């Protein structure tokens, strides 16, 4: 009998917590899932291997890179980088087909030694890693990086032209 009471109380607590979370989501909106680093700390950040920061893109390549947006189609259309290819691992899309559709641009990046930068929705997003791996599996040998900080890095940087600018 005691176990039934504990389960019932736990259920009530769960329902109350879920309602509070829903109200917070409705009032405050979805959480921002990107990293904003204050300017005074930018020099102290260590970018993981295989990733690249906006500052490195500007410094090392003058911003001349091939952008790939690995977010949803609607996000790419609304605020993606101007000229970015759409290659997403979104379950509603066919990743292999998207790579095939963009193979000529990927090959041109390889021939021209243009680095490829793949970005996804946020810092913890694994979509850019998946897209990067799938492109590498095609045999494209151009330098391919994942953008450190995800789309938030692009959205918060005025040096990169976005579709909604």
C-alpha atoms as a PDB file:
ATOM      1  CA  UNK A   1       0.000   0.000   0.000  1.00  0.00           C
ATOM      2  CA  UNK A   2       2.887   2.377   0.808  1.00  0.00           C
ATOM      3  CA  UNK A   3       4.444   1.852  -2.659  1.00  0.00           C
ATOM      4  CA  UNK A   4       1.178   2.805  -4.364  1.00  0.00           C
ATOM      5  CA  UNK A   5       1.072   6.053  -2.375  1.00  0.00           C
ATOM      6  CA  UNK A   6       4.696   6.873  -3.340  1.00  0.00           C
ATOM      7  CA  UNK A   7       3.959   6.220  -7.003  1.00  0.00           C
ATOM      8  CA  UNK A   8       0.832   8.418  -6.881  1.00  0.00           C
ATOM      9  CA  UNK A   9       2.719  11.266  -5.203  1.00  0.00           C
ATOM     10  CA  UNK A  10       5.551  10.977  -7.709  1.00  0.00           C
ATOM     11  CA  UNK A  11       3.010  11.156 -10.526  1.00  0.00           C
ATOM     12  CA  UNK A  12       1.478  14.331  -9.075  1.00  0.00           C
ATOM     13  CA  UNK A  13       4.930  15.939  -8.723  1.00  0.00           C
ATOM     14  CA  UNK A  14       5.766  14.976 -12.323  1.00  0.00           C
ATOM     15  CA  UNK A  15       2.507  16.480 -13.649  1.00  0.00           C
ATOM     16  CA  UNK A  16       3.068  19.727 -11.735  1.00  0.00           C
ATOM     17  CA  UNK A  17       6.663  19.963 -13.014  1.00  0.00           C
ATOM     18  CA  UNK A  18       5.546  19.281 -16.611  1.00  0.00           C
ATOM     19  CA  UNK A  19       2.862  21.984 -16.348  1.00  0.00           C
ATOM     20  CA  UNK A  20       5.419  24.475 -15.004  1.00  0.00           C
ATOM     21  CA  UNK A  21       7.802  23.629 -17.844  1.00  0.00           C
ATOM     22  CA  UNK A  22       5.043  24.074 -20.419  1.00  0.00           C
ATOM     23  CA  UNK A  23       4.028  27.455 -18.978  1.00  0.00           C
ATOM     24  CA  UNK A  24       7.674  28.576 -18.987  1.00  0.00           C
ATOM     25  CA  UNK A  25       8.056  27.458 -22.611  1.00  0.00           C
ATOM     26  CA  UNK A  26       4.895  29.296 -23.667  1.00  0.00           C
ATOM     27  CA  UNK A  27       5.810  32.492 -21.797  1.00  0.00           C
ATOM     28  CA  UNK A  28       9.580  32.618 -22.437  1.00  0.00           C
ATOM     29  CA  UNK A  29       9.777  30.642 -25.690  1.00  0.00           C
ATOM     30  CA  UNK A  30      12.222  27.966 -26.725  1.00  0.00           C
ATOM     31  CA  UNK A  31      15.662  28.075 -25.114  1.00  0.00           C
ATOM     32  CA  UNK A  32      18.524  29.657 -27.035  1.00  0.00           C
ATOM     33  CA  UNK A  33      20.855  26.792 -27.783  1.00  0.00           C
ATOM     34  CA  UNK A  34      23.883  28.638 -29.012  1.00  0.00           C
ATOM     35  CA  UNK A  35      26.989  29.945 -27.395  1.00  0.00           C
ATOM     36  CA  UNK A  36      27.530  33.673 -26.994  1.00  0.00           C
ATOM     37  CA  UNK A  37      31.023  34.436 -25.742  1.00  0.00           C
ATOM     38  CA  UNK A  38      31.825  37.892 -24.364  1.00  0.00           C
ATOM     39  CA  UNK A  39      34.545  39.606 -26.412  1.00  0.00           C
ATOM     40  CA  UNK A  40      36.983  39.708 -23.484  1.00  0.00           C
ATOM     41  CA  UNK A  41      37.019  35.879 -23.302  1.00  0.00           C
ATOM     42  CA  UNK A  42      37.324  35.030 -27.019  1.00  0.00           C
ATOM     43  CA  UNK A  43      41.112  34.569 -26.843  1.00  0.00           C
ATOM     44  CA  UNK A  44      40.743  32.027 -24.031  1.00  0.00           C
ATOM     45  CA  UNK A  45      38.506  29.590 -25.909  1.00  0.00           C
ATOM     46  CA  UNK A  46      40.002  26.357 -27.187  1.00  0.00           C
ATOM     47  CA  UNK A  47      38.296  25.203 -30.369  1.00  0.00           C
ATOM     48  CA  UNK A  48      38.090  21.387 -30.556  1.00  0.00           C
ATOM     49  CA  UNK A  49      39.907  19.485 -33.305  1.00  0.00           C
ATOM     50  CA  UNK A  50      37.793  19.297 -36.464  1.00  0.00           C
ATOM     51  CA  UNK A  51      35.965  22.514 -35.633  1.00  0.00           C
ATOM     52  CA  UNK A  52      36.677  26.099 -36.622  1.00  0.00           C
ATOM     53  CA  UNK A  53      35.595  29.465 -35.228  1.00  0.00           C
ATOM     54  CA  UNK A  54      34.238  32.435 -37.162  1.00  0.00           C
ATOM     55  CA  UNK A  55      37.413  34.365 -36.263  1.00  0.00           C
ATOM     56  CA  UNK A  56      39.577  31.598 -37.778  1.00  0.00           C
ATOM     57  CA  UNK A  57      37.439  31.570 -40.923  1.00  0.00           C
ATOM     58  CA  UNK A  58      37.911  35.323 -41.363  1.00  0.00           C
ATOM     59  CA  UNK A  59      41.622  35.299 -40.438  1.00  0.00           C
ATOM     60  CA  UNK A  60      42.738  32.154 -42.279  1.00  0.00           C
ATOM     61  CA  UNK A  61      40.449  32.222 -45.329  1.00  0.00           C
ATOM     62  CA  UNK A  62      39.177  35.799 -45.563  1.00  0.00           C
ATOM     63  CA  UNK A  63      35.672  34.401 -45.191  1.00  0.00           C
ATOM     64  CA  UNK A  64      35.982  32.667 -48.590  1.00  0.00           C
ATOM     65  CA  UNK A  65      34.569  29.255 -47.733  1.00  0.00           C
ATOM     66  CA  UNK A  66      31.777  26.979 -48.879  1.00  0.00           C
ATOM     67  CA  UNK A  67      29.044  27.072 -46.234  1.00  0.00           C
ATOM     68  CA  UNK A  68      26.785  24.085 -45.604  1.00  0.00           C
ATOM     69  CA  UNK A  69      23.694  24.519 -43.446  1.00  0.00           C
ATOM     70  CA  UNK A  70      22.830  21.252 -41.686  1.00  0.00           C
ATOM     71  CA  UNK A  71      19.765  22.647 -39.924  1.00  0.00           C
ATOM     72  CA  UNK A  72      16.148  22.191 -40.988  1.00  0.00           C
ATOM     73  CA  UNK A  73      15.064  23.459 -44.405  1.00  0.00           C
ATOM     74  CA  UNK A  74      12.932  26.226 -42.836  1.00  0.00           C
ATOM     75  CA  UNK A  75      15.875  27.495 -40.748  1.00  0.00           C
ATOM     76  CA  UNK A  76      18.178  27.443 -43.779  1.00  0.00           C
ATOM     77  CA  UNK A  77      15.616  29.412 -45.799  1.00  0.00           C
ATOM     78  CA  UNK A  78      14.940  31.998 -43.086  1.00  0.00           C
ATOM     79  CA  UNK A  79      18.353  32.931 -41.682  1.00  0.00           C
ATOM     80  CA  UNK A  80      21.031  30.798 -43.303  1.00  0.00           C
ATOM     81  CA  UNK A  81      24.287  32.174 -44.648  1.00  0.00           C
ATOM     82  CA  UNK A  82      23.862  33.689 -48.099  1.00  0.00           C
ATOM     83  CA  UNK A  83      24.987  31.093 -50.660  1.00  0.00           C
ATOM     84  CA  UNK A  84      25.055  28.211 -48.156  1.00  0.00           C
ATOM     85  CA  UNK A  85      24.219  24.780 -49.500  1.00  0.00           C
ATOM     86  CA  UNK A  86      21.422  22.872 -47.785  1.00  0.00           C
ATOM     87  CA  UNK A  87      22.628  19.430 -46.713  1.00  0.00           C
ATOM     88  CA  UNK A  88      20.775  18.269 -43.638  1.00  0.00           C
ATOM     89  CA  UNK A  89      20.508  15.072 -41.651  1.00  0.00           C
ATOM     90  CA  UNK A  90      16.968  16.074 -40.693  1.00  0.00           C
ATOM     91  CA  UNK A  91      14.874  12.865 -40.727  1.00  0.00           C
ATOM     92  CA  UNK A  92      12.418  14.545 -43.131  1.00  0.00           C
ATOM     93  CA  UNK A  93      15.209  14.894 -45.695  1.00  0.00           C
ATOM     94  CA  UNK A  94      17.218  12.350 -47.700  1.00  0.00           C
ATOM     95  CA  UNK A  95      20.825  13.100 -46.736  1.00  0.00           C
ATOM     96  CA  UNK A  96      22.366  11.015 -49.517  1.00  0.00           C
ATOM     97  CA  UNK A  97      20.155  12.728 -52.114  1.00  0.00           C
ATOM     98  CA  UNK A  98      21.051  16.197 -50.787  1.00  0.00           C
ATOM     99  CA  UNK A  99      24.763  15.347 -51.043  1.00  0.00           C
ATOM    100  CA  UNK A 100      24.262  14.075 -54.602  1.00  0.00           C
ATOM    101  CA  UNK A 101      22.403  17.276 -55.561  1.00  0.00           C
ATOM    102  CA  UNK A 102      25.319  19.375 -54.282  1.00  0.00           C
ATOM    103  CA  UNK A 103      28.189  17.159 -55.456  1.00  0.00           C
ATOM    104  CA  UNK A 104      29.304  19.600 -58.166  1.00  0.00           C
ATOM    105  CA  UNK A 105      29.725  22.438 -55.633  1.00  0.00           C
ATOM    106  CA  UNK A 106      31.535  20.081 -53.230  1.00  0.00           C
ATOM    107  CA  UNK A 107      33.860  18.951 -56.026  1.00  0.00           C
ATOM    108  CA  UNK A 108      34.541  22.585 -57.005  1.00  0.00           C
ATOM    109  CA  UNK A 109      35.489  23.345 -53.394  1.00  0.00           C
ATOM    110  CA  UNK A 110      37.965  20.465 -53.552  1.00  0.00           C
ATOM    111  CA  UNK A 111      39.436  21.597 -56.883  1.00  0.00           C
ATOM    112  CA  UNK A 112      39.685  25.245 -55.755  1.00  0.00           C
ATOM    113  CA  UNK A 113      41.040  24.252 -52.324  1.00  0.00           C
ATOM    114  CA  UNK A 114      38.124  26.076 -50.706  1.00  0.00           C
ATOM    115  CA  UNK A 115      37.426  24.898 -47.165  1.00  0.00           C
ATOM    116  CA  UNK A 116      33.950  23.604 -46.400  1.00  0.00           C
ATOM    117  CA  UNK A 117      32.249  24.789 -43.211  1.00  0.00           C
ATOM    118  CA  UNK A 118      29.258  22.832 -41.912  1.00  0.00           C
ATOM    119  CA  UNK A 119      27.054  24.370 -39.245  1.00  0.00           C
ATOM    120  CA  UNK A 120      23.999  23.139 -37.399  1.00  0.00           C
ATOM    121  CA  UNK A 121      21.518  24.593 -34.940  1.00  0.00           C
ATOM    122  CA  UNK A 122      23.517  24.883 -31.743  1.00  0.00           C
ATOM    123  CA  UNK A 123      26.624  24.059 -29.757  1.00  0.00           C
ATOM    124  CA  UNK A 124      25.553  20.548 -28.760  1.00  0.00           C
ATOM    125  CA  UNK A 125      24.125  19.624 -32.148  1.00  0.00           C
ATOM    126  CA  UNK A 126      25.585  16.533 -33.819  1.00  0.00           C
ATOM    127  CA  UNK A 127      24.067  17.174 -37.252  1.00  0.00           C
ATOM    128  CA  UNK A 128      27.133  19.007 -38.565  1.00  0.00           C
ATOM    129  CA  UNK A 129      29.349  16.093 -37.541  1.00  0.00           C
ATOM    130  CA  UNK A 130      27.066  13.600 -39.298  1.00  0.00           C
ATOM    131  CA  UNK A 131      26.920  15.697 -42.490  1.00  0.00           C
ATOM    132  CA  UNK A 132      30.710  16.160 -42.402  1.00  0.00           C
ATOM    133  CA  UNK A 133      31.277  12.407 -42.095  1.00  0.00           C
ATOM    134  CA  UNK A 134      28.850  11.617 -44.927  1.00  0.00           C
ATOM    135  CA  UNK A 135      30.546  14.126 -47.241  1.00  0.00           C
ATOM    136  CA  UNK A 136      33.963  12.666 -46.401  1.00  0.00           C
ATOM    137  CA  UNK A 137      32.616   9.185 -47.207  1.00  0.00           C
ATOM    138  CA  UNK A 138      32.001  10.366 -50.794  1.00  0.00           C
ATOM    139  CA  UNK A 139      35.757  10.807 -51.255  1.00  0.00           C
ATOM    140  CA  UNK A 140      35.747  14.620 -51.252  1.00  0.00           C
ATOM    141  CA  UNK A 141      39.147  15.542 -49.843  1.00  0.00           C
ATOM    142  CA  UNK A 142      38.635  19.277 -49.316  1.00  0.00           C
ATOM    143  CA  UNK A 143      39.180  20.562 -45.788  1.00  0.00           C
ATOM    144  CA  UNK A 144      35.864  20.166 -43.986  1.00  0.00           C
ATOM    145  CA  UNK A 145      35.239  21.764 -40.615  1.00  0.00           C
ATOM    146  CA  UNK A 146      32.309  21.926 -38.248  1.00  0.00           C
ATOM    147  CA  UNK A 147      31.549  25.473 -37.106  1.00  0.00           C
ATOM    148  CA  UNK A 148      32.340  25.981 -33.434  1.00  0.00           C
ATOM    149  CA  UNK A 149      29.252  27.389 -31.737  1.00  0.00           C
ATOM    150  CA  UNK A 150      26.771  26.325 -34.396  1.00  0.00           C
ATOM    151  CA  UNK A 151      24.358  28.694 -36.100  1.00  0.00           C
ATOM    152  CA  UNK A 152      24.485  31.048 -33.112  1.00  0.00           C
ATOM    153  CA  UNK A 153      28.042  31.954 -34.099  1.00  0.00           C
ATOM    154  CA  UNK A 154      26.841  32.940 -37.549  1.00  0.00           C
ATOM    155  CA  UNK A 155      23.678  34.686 -36.384  1.00  0.00           C
ATOM    156  CA  UNK A 156      25.590  36.818 -33.868  1.00  0.00           C
ATOM    157  CA  UNK A 157      28.421  37.831 -36.198  1.00  0.00           C
ATOM    158  CA  UNK A 158      27.888  40.828 -38.467  1.00  0.00           C
ATOM    159  CA  UNK A 159      30.845  39.849 -40.697  1.00  0.00           C
ATOM    160  CA  UNK A 160      28.877  36.935 -42.147  1.00  0.00           C
ATOM    161  CA  UNK A 161      26.000  37.878 -44.474  1.00  0.00           C
ATOM    162  CA  UNK A 162      22.729  36.084 -43.655  1.00  0.00           C
ATOM    163  CA  UNK A 163      19.562  35.802 -45.734  1.00  0.00           C
ATOM    164  CA  UNK A 164      17.618  37.970 -43.298  1.00  0.00           C
ATOM    165  CA  UNK A 165      20.192  40.830 -43.265  1.00  0.00           C
END
